[in-house]
Amino acid sequence: MNAVIKEWITKADGDFRTAQREFDAIEAPNFDAVCFHAQQCIEKLMKALLIAGEESPPRVHDLAVLSNIINRNFPNWNWPVEELRFLSRAAVTFRYPGESAEQLDAEEALAIAKNLRDALLVQLQDK
């Protein structure tokens, strides 16, 4: 694994720890931030996998789009598009006034991120 991929993974790990820490906060957890950092973790891991497949990651934040690109280089890669869309939507929707994430939204975002993170790290292990 090269240094660039390792840096993407390190940044993703930071987002994952931030999402988890904020979710676990006893006083005034920021569920919007949980959703945002959960998505950011997965976006960075997906982009790391694209780099590992010698593809330049596009400047997009839509996880479904990234998953489709990953699938071209890693044909065995597949993830439910509904989960990818939920994370992508949650990361944007709750960042601005008008809507706020509830605990259940944050819980779902974090659960999806945990499972996706595990799957992506397996893919990255051999790179």
Protein backbone atom coordinates (compact mmCIF):
# COMPACT_ATOMS: atom_id res chain seq x y z
CA MET A 1 0.00 0.00 0.00
CA ASN A 2 1.46 3.33 -0.98
CA ALA A 3 1.67 6.47 1.14
CA VAL A 4 -1.15 8.26 -0.68
CA ILE A 5 -3.61 5.44 -0.01
CA LYS A 6 -2.47 5.28 3.62
CA GLU A 7 -3.13 9.00 3.99
CA TRP A 8 -6.68 8.64 2.61
CA ILE A 9 -7.28 5.79 5.09
CA THR A 10 -5.88 7.86 7.97
CA LYS A 11 -8.18 10.76 7.08
CA ALA A 12 -11.14 8.36 6.82
CA ASP A 13 -10.31 6.89 10.23
CA GLY A 14 -10.33 10.40 11.70
CA ASP A 15 -13.81 11.01 10.31
CA PHE A 16 -15.02 7.67 11.62
CA ARG A 17 -13.66 8.35 15.12
CA THR A 18 -15.24 11.81 15.08
CA ALA A 19 -18.63 10.39 14.07
CA GLN A 20 -18.44 7.72 16.76
CA ARG A 21 -17.23 10.13 19.45
CA GLU A 22 -19.99 12.62 18.66
CA PHE A 23 -22.63 9.89 18.65
CA ASP A 24 -21.40 8.70 22.07
CA ALA A 25 -21.33 12.20 23.56
CA ILE A 26 -23.29 12.35 26.80
CA GLU A 27 -23.97 16.06 26.64
CA ALA A 28 -25.50 17.63 23.52
CA PRO A 29 -24.41 15.17 20.80
CA ASN A 30 -24.38 16.73 17.35
CA PHE A 31 -26.24 14.18 15.23
CA ASP A 32 -25.79 16.32 12.11
CA ALA A 33 -22.03 15.95 12.54
CA VAL A 34 -22.35 12.18 13.01
CA CYS A 35 -24.07 11.91 9.62
CA PHE A 36 -21.57 14.19 7.90
CA HIS A 37 -18.48 12.45 9.25
CA ALA A 38 -19.92 8.99 8.58
CA GLN A 39 -20.33 9.93 4.91
CA GLN A 40 -16.91 11.56 4.78
CA CYS A 41 -15.27 8.41 6.13
CA ILE A 42 -16.82 6.28 3.40
CA GLU A 43 -16.15 8.79 0.64
CA LYS A 44 -12.45 8.84 1.54
CA LEU A 45 -12.21 5.05 1.71
CA MET A 46 -13.93 4.74 -1.65
CA LYS A 47 -11.53 7.24 -3.16
CA ALA A 48 -8.60 5.34 -1.63
CA LEU A 49 -9.88 2.19 -3.33
CA LEU A 50 -10.16 4.01 -6.64
CA ILE A 51 -6.56 5.16 -6.29
CA ALA A 52 -5.55 1.58 -5.47
CA GLY A 53 -7.22 0.58 -8.73
CA GLU A 54 -5.14 3.23 -10.51
CA GLU A 55 -8.12 5.47 -11.14
CA SER A 56 -8.14 9.15 -10.29
CA PRO A 57 -11.08 9.81 -7.97
CA PRO A 58 -13.57 12.35 -9.29
CA ARG A 59 -14.50 15.43 -7.29
CA VAL A 60 -17.92 14.12 -6.34
CA HIS A 61 -19.44 13.35 -2.97
CA ASP A 62 -22.19 11.01 -4.15
CA LEU A 63 -21.34 7.55 -2.80
CA ALA A 64 -23.54 5.79 -5.38
CA VAL A 65 -21.52 7.39 -8.18
CA LEU A 66 -18.25 6.38 -6.51
CA SER A 67 -19.53 2.84 -6.01
CA ASN A 68 -20.34 2.54 -9.72
CA ILE A 69 -16.82 3.65 -10.62
CA ILE A 70 -15.32 1.21 -8.10
CA ASN A 71 -17.34 -1.60 -9.64
CA ARG A 72 -15.61 -1.04 -13.01
CA ASN A 73 -12.20 -1.84 -11.45
CA PHE A 74 -13.40 -4.27 -8.78
CA PRO A 75 -16.22 -6.31 -10.37
CA ASN A 76 -16.95 -8.15 -7.13
CA TRP A 77 -17.73 -4.84 -5.38
CA ASN A 78 -21.41 -4.31 -4.69
CA TRP A 79 -23.29 -2.35 -2.05
CA PRO A 80 -26.99 -1.55 -1.64
CA VAL A 81 -27.56 1.75 -3.41
CA GLU A 82 -30.22 2.75 -0.87
CA GLU A 83 -27.60 2.79 1.89
CA LEU A 84 -25.15 4.77 -0.24
CA ARG A 85 -27.86 7.31 -1.07
CA PHE A 86 -28.92 7.59 2.59
CA LEU A 87 -25.36 8.44 3.66
CA SER A 88 -24.87 10.90 0.80
CA ARG A 89 -28.18 12.61 1.46
CA ALA A 90 -27.69 12.71 5.24
CA ALA A 91 -24.30 14.33 4.89
CA VAL A 92 -25.72 17.23 2.88
CA THR A 93 -29.30 17.60 4.10
CA PHE A 94 -28.43 18.04 7.75
CA ARG A 95 -25.55 20.48 7.22
CA TYR A 96 -27.78 23.46 6.55
CA PRO A 97 -30.76 25.09 8.28
CA GLY A 98 -34.12 23.55 7.60
CA GLU A 99 -33.51 19.98 8.72
CA SER A 100 -31.65 18.37 11.57
CA ALA A 101 -30.61 14.79 12.15
CA GLU A 102 -32.29 12.92 14.94
CA GLN A 103 -30.64 10.19 16.98
CA LEU A 104 -32.14 7.49 14.71
CA ASP A 105 -30.71 9.18 11.60
CA ALA A 106 -27.28 9.31 13.20
CA GLU A 107 -27.57 5.73 14.39
CA GLU A 108 -28.43 4.53 10.88
CA ALA A 109 -25.65 6.59 9.27
CA LEU A 110 -23.10 5.23 11.72
CA ALA A 111 -24.27 1.62 11.29
CA ILE A 112 -24.06 1.87 7.50
CA ALA A 113 -20.64 3.50 7.76
CA LYS A 114 -19.34 0.76 10.09
CA ASN A 115 -20.39 -2.00 7.69
CA LEU A 116 -19.17 -0.18 4.60
CA ARG A 117 -15.91 0.72 6.30
CA ASP A 118 -15.25 -2.93 7.15
CA ALA A 119 -15.97 -4.00 3.56
CA LEU A 120 -13.81 -1.27 2.03
CA LEU A 121 -10.90 -1.98 4.37
CA VAL A 122 -10.99 -5.63 3.30
CA GLN A 123 -10.77 -4.49 -0.32
CA LEU A 124 -7.86 -2.20 0.56
CA GLN A 125 -5.93 -4.80 2.57
CA ASP A 126 -4.21 -6.28 -0.44
CA LYS A 127 -3.39 -2.96 -2.08
